[in-house]
Each structure stands twice: as structure tokens, then as C-alpha cells.
Amino acid sequence: MIRERNSAGLALARSEGRIGGRRKKLNPKMRLEIAESVLSGRKSAAEMARLYVVSQPAVSRIVAEHRRQPAER
């Protein structure tokens, strides 16, 4: 019964446009700046990680994601 009510509440929230989970620490503008800085060689991944207080693997994921996206920018 608890599971059914929980599922119904989540479904209602989703239908109202809300999503669950933790919020992103970096907005799209910050992510783009990190990717462009690292790819252009202006800053290292370690420097960008320290600047934005995120882990180096997070910076690597952002750069990899940026490389995979088609040139729609």
C-alpha cells in the first residue's frame, strides 16, 4: 500500500512538471566554459576542477560530453 501511494505521488509530481533527484551543480554556461577552456588548452582539467569546486573526473565527463555533441552551438 505504501509503495502504491508513493508511486502515485511521484507520477502526480511528474505530471506537474517536477523531477526528482539532486540539482546540477554547474549550469550549462559553466559546463560550456569548462569544456572550451580545456579543449583550447587555456586551462587544464585540474585547474577548472579547482576553479568550479568539482572533481577532475567530472571535468573529464563534461569535456567528453562536449566532444560527442554535434556542432549545434
PDB file of N, CA and C in Angstrom:
ATOM      1  N   MET A   1       0.827  -1.189   0.000  1.00  0.00           N
ATOM      2  CA  MET A   1       0.000   0.000   0.000  1.00  0.00           C
ATOM      3  C   MET A   1       0.876   1.259   0.000  1.00  0.00           C
ATOM      4  N   ILE A   2       1.962   1.232   0.788  1.00  0.00           N
ATOM      5  CA  ILE A   2       2.865   2.390   0.820  1.00  0.00           C
ATOM      6  C   ILE A   2       3.489   2.601  -0.553  1.00  0.00           C
ATOM      7  N   ARG A   3       3.917   1.505  -1.164  1.00  0.00           N
ATOM      8  CA  ARG A   3       4.546   1.597  -2.489  1.00  0.00           C
ATOM      9  C   ARG A   3       3.573   2.195  -3.509  1.00  0.00           C
ATOM     10  N   GLU A   4       2.317   1.792  -3.462  1.00  0.00           N
ATOM     11  CA  GLU A   4       1.316   2.314  -4.406  1.00  0.00           C
ATOM     12  C   GLU A   4       1.117   3.813  -4.226  1.00  0.00           C
ATOM     13  N   ARG A   5       1.013   4.242  -2.969  1.00  0.00           N
ATOM     14  CA  ARG A   5       0.816   5.676  -2.709  1.00  0.00           C
ATOM     15  C   ARG A   5       2.050   6.477  -3.117  1.00  0.00           C
ATOM     16  N   ASN A   6       3.246   5.908  -2.853  1.00  0.00           N
ATOM     17  CA  ASN A   6       4.480   6.577  -3.238  1.00  0.00           C
ATOM     18  C   ASN A   6       4.549   6.724  -4.757  1.00  0.00           C
ATOM     19  N   SER A   7       4.259   5.658  -5.482  1.00  0.00           N
ATOM     20  CA  SER A   7       4.279   5.692  -6.943  1.00  0.00           C
ATOM     21  C   SER A   7       3.266   6.688  -7.489  1.00  0.00           C
ATOM     22  N   ALA A   8       2.088   6.712  -6.885  1.00  0.00           N
ATOM     23  CA  ALA A   8       1.055   7.651  -7.332  1.00  0.00           C
ATOM     24  C   ALA A   8       1.503   9.095  -7.099  1.00  0.00           C
ATOM     25  N   GLY A   9       2.130   9.360  -5.972  1.00  0.00           N
ATOM     26  CA  GLY A   9       2.625  10.714  -5.686  1.00  0.00           C
ATOM     27  C   GLY A   9       3.717  11.139  -6.643  1.00  0.00           C
ATOM     28  N   LEU A  10       4.642  10.214  -6.962  1.00  0.00           N
ATOM     29  CA  LEU A  10       5.701  10.530  -7.921  1.00  0.00           C
ATOM     30  C   LEU A  10       5.118  10.780  -9.314  1.00  0.00           C
ATOM     31  N   ALA A  11       4.152   9.967  -9.704  1.00  0.00           N
ATOM     32  CA  ALA A  11       3.524  10.146 -11.020  1.00  0.00           C
ATOM     33  C   ALA A  11       2.823  11.497 -11.098  1.00  0.00           C
ATOM     34  N   LEU A  12       2.151  11.877 -10.025  1.00  0.00           N
ATOM     35  CA  LEU A  12       1.471  13.174  -9.985  1.00  0.00           C
ATOM     36  C   LEU A  12       2.480  14.312 -10.091  1.00  0.00           C
ATOM     37  N   ALA A  13       3.571  14.205  -9.364  1.00  0.00           N
ATOM     38  CA  ALA A  13       4.605  15.250  -9.409  1.00  0.00           C
ATOM     39  C   ALA A  13       5.183  15.370 -10.814  1.00  0.00           C
ATOM     40  N   ARG A  14       5.442  14.234 -11.459  1.00  0.00           N
ATOM     41  CA  ARG A  14       5.991  14.266 -12.828  1.00  0.00           C
ATOM     42  C   ARG A  14       4.995  14.895 -13.794  1.00  0.00           C
ATOM     43  N   SER A  15       3.715  14.597 -13.610  1.00  0.00           N
ATOM     44  CA  SER A  15       2.701  15.174 -14.497  1.00  0.00           C
ATOM     45  C   SER A  15       2.602  16.687 -14.325  1.00  0.00           C
ATOM     46  N   GLU A  16       3.018  17.176 -13.149  1.00  0.00           N
ATOM     47  CA  GLU A  16       3.024  18.619 -12.894  1.00  0.00           C
ATOM     48  C   GLU A  16       4.340  19.269 -13.305  1.00  0.00           C
ATOM     49  N   GLY A  17       5.247  18.461 -13.879  1.00  0.00           N
ATOM     50  CA  GLY A  17       6.482  19.015 -14.397  1.00  0.00           C
ATOM     51  C   GLY A  17       7.666  18.975 -13.455  1.00  0.00           C
ATOM     52  N   ARG A  18       7.504  18.385 -12.284  1.00  0.00           N
ATOM     53  CA  ARG A  18       8.617  18.314 -11.342  1.00  0.00           C
ATOM     54  C   ARG A  18       9.397  17.027 -11.573  1.00  0.00           C
ATOM     55  N   ILE A  19      10.685  17.097 -11.330  1.00  0.00           N
ATOM     56  CA  ILE A  19      11.513  15.906 -11.448  1.00  0.00           C
ATOM     57  C   ILE A  19      12.269  15.714 -10.147  1.00  0.00           C
ATOM     58  N   GLY A  20      12.628  14.484  -9.870  1.00  0.00           N
ATOM     59  CA  GLY A  20      13.326  14.198  -8.632  1.00  0.00           C
ATOM     60  C   GLY A  20      14.828  14.238  -8.824  1.00  0.00           C
ATOM     61  N   GLY A  21      15.536  14.063  -7.753  1.00  0.00           N
ATOM     62  CA  GLY A  21      16.987  13.976  -7.813  1.00  0.00           C
ATOM     63  C   GLY A  21      17.678  15.257  -7.416  1.00  0.00           C
ATOM     64  N   ARG A  22      18.983  15.130  -7.333  1.00  0.00           N
ATOM     65  CA  ARG A  22      19.811  16.257  -6.940  1.00  0.00           C
ATOM     66  C   ARG A  22      19.937  17.256  -8.082  1.00  0.00           C
ATOM     67  N   ARG A  23      19.999  18.519  -7.744  1.00  0.00           N
ATOM     68  CA  ARG A  23      20.155  19.553  -8.759  1.00  0.00           C
ATOM     69  C   ARG A  23      21.589  19.570  -9.273  1.00  0.00           C
ATOM     70  N   LYS A  24      21.765  19.995 -10.496  1.00  0.00           N
ATOM     71  CA  LYS A  24      23.088  20.086 -11.097  1.00  0.00           C
ATOM     72  C   LYS A  24      23.868  21.216 -10.433  1.00  0.00           C
ATOM     73  N   LYS A  25      25.135  20.973 -10.172  1.00  0.00           N
ATOM     74  CA  LYS A  25      25.968  21.984  -9.536  1.00  0.00           C
ATOM     75  C   LYS A  25      26.380  23.047 -10.544  1.00  0.00           C
ATOM     76  N   LEU A  26      26.581  22.622 -11.792  1.00  0.00           N
ATOM     77  CA  LEU A  26      27.041  23.524 -12.841  1.00  0.00           C
ATOM     78  C   LEU A  26      25.929  23.754 -13.854  1.00  0.00           C
ATOM     79  N   ASN A  27      25.688  25.015 -14.180  1.00  0.00           N
ATOM     80  CA  ASN A  27      24.686  25.308 -15.192  1.00  0.00           C
ATOM     81  C   ASN A  27      25.299  25.115 -16.585  1.00  0.00           C
ATOM     82  N   PRO A  28      24.489  25.115 -17.633  1.00  0.00           N
ATOM     83  CA  PRO A  28      25.016  24.871 -18.982  1.00  0.00           C
ATOM     84  C   PRO A  28      26.117  25.847 -19.405  1.00  0.00           C
ATOM     85  N   LYS A  29      26.022  27.092 -18.978  1.00  0.00           N
ATOM     86  CA  LYS A  29      27.045  28.085 -19.330  1.00  0.00           C
ATOM     87  C   LYS A  29      28.395  27.712 -18.705  1.00  0.00           C
ATOM     88  N   MET A  30      28.378  27.293 -17.438  1.00  0.00           N
ATOM     89  CA  MET A  30      29.611  26.870 -16.761  1.00  0.00           C
ATOM     90  C   MET A  30      30.203  25.634 -17.434  1.00  0.00           C
ATOM     91  N   ARG A  31      29.335  24.682 -17.794  1.00  0.00           N
ATOM     92  CA  ARG A  31      29.796  23.454 -18.435  1.00  0.00           C
ATOM     93  C   ARG A  31      30.466  23.775 -19.779  1.00  0.00           C
ATOM     94  N   LEU A  32      29.881  24.684 -20.528  1.00  0.00           N
ATOM     95  CA  LEU A  32      30.448  25.074 -21.819  1.00  0.00           C
ATOM     96  C   LEU A  32      31.797  25.754 -21.625  1.00  0.00           C
ATOM     97  N   GLU A  33      31.891  26.616 -20.635  1.00  0.00           N
ATOM     98  CA  GLU A  33      33.153  27.307 -20.356  1.00  0.00           C
ATOM     99  C   GLU A  33      34.251  26.315 -19.972  1.00  0.00           C
ATOM    100  N   ILE A  34      33.908  25.326 -19.166  1.00  0.00           N
ATOM    101  CA  ILE A  34      34.883  24.307 -18.771  1.00  0.00           C
ATOM    102  C   ILE A  34      35.366  23.554 -19.999  1.00  0.00           C
ATOM    103  N   ALA A  35      34.427  23.087 -20.813  1.00  0.00           N
ATOM    104  CA  ALA A  35      34.790  22.295 -21.991  1.00  0.00           C
ATOM    105  C   ALA A  35      35.661  23.109 -22.951  1.00  0.00           C
ATOM    106  N   GLU A  36      35.275  24.336 -23.223  1.00  0.00           N
ATOM    107  CA  GLU A  36      36.035  25.148 -24.173  1.00  0.00           C
ATOM    108  C   GLU A  36      37.413  25.508 -23.636  1.00  0.00           C
ATOM    109  N   SER A  37      37.521  25.781 -22.350  1.00  0.00           N
ATOM    110  CA  SER A  37      38.810  26.126 -21.751  1.00  0.00           C
ATOM    111  C   SER A  37      39.781  24.952 -21.808  1.00  0.00           C
ATOM    112  N   VAL A  38      39.275  23.762 -21.512  1.00  0.00           N
ATOM    113  CA  VAL A  38      40.137  22.577 -21.507  1.00  0.00           C
ATOM    114  C   VAL A  38      40.514  22.198 -22.935  1.00  0.00           C
ATOM    115  N   LEU A  39      39.539  22.201 -23.850  1.00  0.00           N
ATOM    116  CA  LEU A  39      39.821  21.791 -25.230  1.00  0.00           C
ATOM    117  C   LEU A  39      40.742  22.770 -25.951  1.00  0.00           C
ATOM    118  N   SER A  40      40.646  24.046 -25.624  1.00  0.00           N
ATOM    119  CA  SER A  40      41.504  25.033 -26.285  1.00  0.00           C
ATOM    120  C   SER A  40      42.905  25.062 -25.676  1.00  0.00           C
ATOM    121  N   GLY A  41      43.047  24.498 -24.506  1.00  0.00           N
ATOM    122  CA  GLY A  41      44.350  24.462 -23.852  1.00  0.00           C
ATOM    123  C   GLY A  41      44.638  25.661 -22.970  1.00  0.00           C
ATOM    124  N   ARG A  42      43.656  26.540 -22.807  1.00  0.00           N
ATOM    125  CA  ARG A  42      43.867  27.712 -21.943  1.00  0.00           C
ATOM    126  C   ARG A  42      44.061  27.312 -20.500  1.00  0.00           C
ATOM    127  N   LYS A  43      43.308  26.304 -20.056  1.00  0.00           N
ATOM    128  CA  LYS A  43      43.394  25.823 -18.673  1.00  0.00           C
ATOM    129  C   LYS A  43      43.390  24.304 -18.689  1.00  0.00           C
ATOM    130  N   SER A  44      43.998  23.737 -17.662  1.00  0.00           N
ATOM    131  CA  SER A  44      43.987  22.277 -17.554  1.00  0.00           C
ATOM    132  C   SER A  44      42.694  21.831 -16.875  1.00  0.00           C
ATOM    133  N   ALA A  45      42.425  20.541 -16.972  1.00  0.00           N
ATOM    134  CA  ALA A  45      41.239  19.989 -16.322  1.00  0.00           C
ATOM    135  C   ALA A  45      41.339  20.166 -14.809  1.00  0.00           C
ATOM    136  N   ALA A  46      42.532  20.000 -14.274  1.00  0.00           N
ATOM    137  CA  ALA A  46      42.730  20.157 -12.830  1.00  0.00           C
ATOM    138  C   ALA A  46      42.441  21.594 -12.393  1.00  0.00           C
ATOM    139  N   GLU A  47      42.873  22.562 -13.184  1.00  0.00           N
ATOM    140  CA  GLU A  47      42.623  23.972 -12.844  1.00  0.00           C
ATOM    141  C   GLU A  47      41.125  24.285 -12.861  1.00  0.00           C
ATOM    142  N   MET A  48      40.434  23.776 -13.870  1.00  0.00           N
ATOM    143  CA  MET A  48      38.999  24.031 -13.969  1.00  0.00           C
ATOM    144  C   MET A  48      38.251  23.328 -12.838  1.00  0.00           C
ATOM    145  N   ALA A  49      38.720  22.148 -12.446  1.00  0.00           N
ATOM    146  CA  ALA A  49      38.090  21.426 -11.335  1.00  0.00           C
ATOM    147  C   ALA A  49      38.228  22.230 -10.043  1.00  0.00           C
ATOM    148  N   ARG A  50      39.413  22.786  -9.811  1.00  0.00           N
ATOM    149  CA  ARG A  50      39.610  23.600  -8.605  1.00  0.00           C
ATOM    150  C   ARG A  50      38.792  24.887  -8.665  1.00  0.00           C
ATOM    151  N   LEU A  51      38.729  25.496  -9.839  1.00  0.00           N
ATOM    152  CA  LEU A  51      38.005  26.753 -10.004  1.00  0.00           C
ATOM    153  C   LEU A  51      36.509  26.599  -9.697  1.00  0.00           C
ATOM    154  N   TYR A  52      35.915  25.510 -10.178  1.00  0.00           N
ATOM    155  CA  TYR A  52      34.483  25.296 -10.001  1.00  0.00           C
ATOM    156  C   TYR A  52      34.142  24.350  -8.856  1.00  0.00           C
ATOM    157  N   VAL A  53      35.149  23.925  -8.109  1.00  0.00           N
ATOM    158  CA  VAL A  53      34.991  23.042  -6.951  1.00  0.00           C
ATOM    159  C   VAL A  53      34.211  21.776  -7.333  1.00  0.00           C
ATOM    160  N   VAL A  54      34.710  21.105  -8.358  1.00  0.00           N
ATOM    161  CA  VAL A  54      34.186  19.806  -8.766  1.00  0.00           C
ATOM    162  C   VAL A  54      35.375  18.866  -8.912  1.00  0.00           C
ATOM    163  N   SER A  55      35.107  17.591  -9.092  1.00  0.00           N
ATOM    164  CA  SER A  55      36.188  16.619  -9.226  1.00  0.00           C
ATOM    165  C   SER A  55      36.754  16.631 -10.645  1.00  0.00           C
ATOM    166  N   GLN A  56      37.978  16.137 -10.784  1.00  0.00           N
ATOM    167  CA  GLN A  56      38.587  16.051 -12.105  1.00  0.00           C
ATOM    168  C   GLN A  56      37.819  15.088 -13.017  1.00  0.00           C
ATOM    169  N   PRO A  57      37.329  13.951 -12.495  1.00  0.00           N
ATOM    170  CA  PRO A  57      36.516  13.098 -13.362  1.00  0.00           C
ATOM    171  C   PRO A  57      35.253  13.803 -13.871  1.00  0.00           C
ATOM    172  N   ALA A  58      34.683  14.683 -13.068  1.00  0.00           N
ATOM    173  CA  ALA A  58      33.509  15.434 -13.516  1.00  0.00           C
ATOM    174  C   ALA A  58      33.886  16.327 -14.694  1.00  0.00           C
ATOM    175  N   VAL A  59      35.042  16.957 -14.629  1.00  0.00           N
ATOM    176  CA  VAL A  59      35.503  17.801 -15.730  1.00  0.00           C
ATOM    177  C   VAL A  59      35.737  16.940 -16.966  1.00  0.00           C
ATOM    178  N   SER A  60      36.319  15.772 -16.785  1.00  0.00           N
ATOM    179  CA  SER A  60      36.557  14.865 -17.916  1.00  0.00           C
ATOM    180  C   SER A  60      35.245  14.453 -18.570  1.00  0.00           C
ATOM    181  N   ARG A  61      34.226  14.167 -17.759  1.00  0.00           N
ATOM    182  CA  ARG A  61      32.911  13.806 -18.316  1.00  0.00           C
ATOM    183  C   ARG A  61      32.308  14.972 -19.092  1.00  0.00           C
ATOM    184  N   ILE A  62      32.449  16.175 -18.575  1.00  0.00           N
ATOM    185  CA  ILE A  62      31.910  17.360 -19.247  1.00  0.00           C
ATOM    186  C   ILE A  62      32.591  17.547 -20.601  1.00  0.00           C
ATOM    187  N   VAL A  63      33.914  17.398 -20.628  1.00  0.00           N
ATOM    188  CA  VAL A  63      34.666  17.565 -21.883  1.00  0.00           C
ATOM    189  C   VAL A  63      34.280  16.477 -22.879  1.00  0.00           C
ATOM    190  N   ALA A  64      34.174  15.232 -22.412  1.00  0.00           N
ATOM    191  CA  ALA A  64      33.795  14.129 -23.298  1.00  0.00           C
ATOM    192  C   ALA A  64      32.392  14.336 -23.853  1.00  0.00           C
ATOM    193  N   GLU A  65      31.481  14.786 -23.013  1.00  0.00           N
ATOM    194  CA  GLU A  65      30.114  15.056 -23.457  1.00  0.00           C
ATOM    195  C   GLU A  65      30.102  16.164 -24.500  1.00  0.00           C
ATOM    196  N   HIS A  66      30.916  17.175 -24.296  1.00  0.00           N
ATOM    197  CA  HIS A  66      31.008  18.295 -25.239  1.00  0.00           C
ATOM    198  C   HIS A  66      31.539  17.824 -26.597  1.00  0.00           C
ATOM    199  N   ARG A  67      32.510  16.917 -26.580  1.00  0.00           N
ATOM    200  CA  ARG A  67      33.074  16.386 -27.823  1.00  0.00           C
ATOM    201  C   ARG A  67      32.056  15.562 -28.597  1.00  0.00           C
ATOM    202  N   ARG A  68      31.202  14.829 -27.884  1.00  0.00           N
ATOM    203  CA  ARG A  68      30.215  13.961 -28.523  1.00  0.00           C
ATOM    204  C   ARG A  68      29.073  14.716 -29.177  1.00  0.00           C
ATOM    205  N   GLN A  69      28.768  15.889 -28.680  1.00  0.00           N
ATOM    206  CA  GLN A  69      27.627  16.646 -29.199  1.00  0.00           C
ATOM    207  C   GLN A  69      27.936  17.164 -30.592  1.00  0.00           C
ATOM    208  N   PRO A  70      26.939  17.128 -31.472  1.00  0.00           N
ATOM    209  CA  PRO A  70      27.153  17.695 -32.806  1.00  0.00           C
ATOM    210  C   PRO A  70      27.322  19.213 -32.720  1.00  0.00           C
ATOM    211  N   ALA A  71      27.840  19.788 -33.756  1.00  0.00           N
ATOM    212  CA  ALA A  71      28.128  21.236 -33.763  1.00  0.00           C
ATOM    213  C   ALA A  71      26.832  22.028 -33.882  1.00  0.00           C
ATOM    214  N   GLU A  72      26.048  22.026 -32.834  1.00  0.00           N
ATOM    215  CA  GLU A  72      24.787  22.780 -32.813  1.00  0.00           C
ATOM    216  C   GLU A  72      24.922  24.056 -32.010  1.00  0.00           C
ATOM    217  N   ARG A  73      26.130  24.403 -31.626  1.00  0.00           N
ATOM    218  CA  ARG A  73      26.366  25.605 -30.833  1.00  0.00           C
ATOM    219  C   ARG A  73      26.543  26.795 -31.720  1.00  0.00           C
TER     220      ARG A  73
END
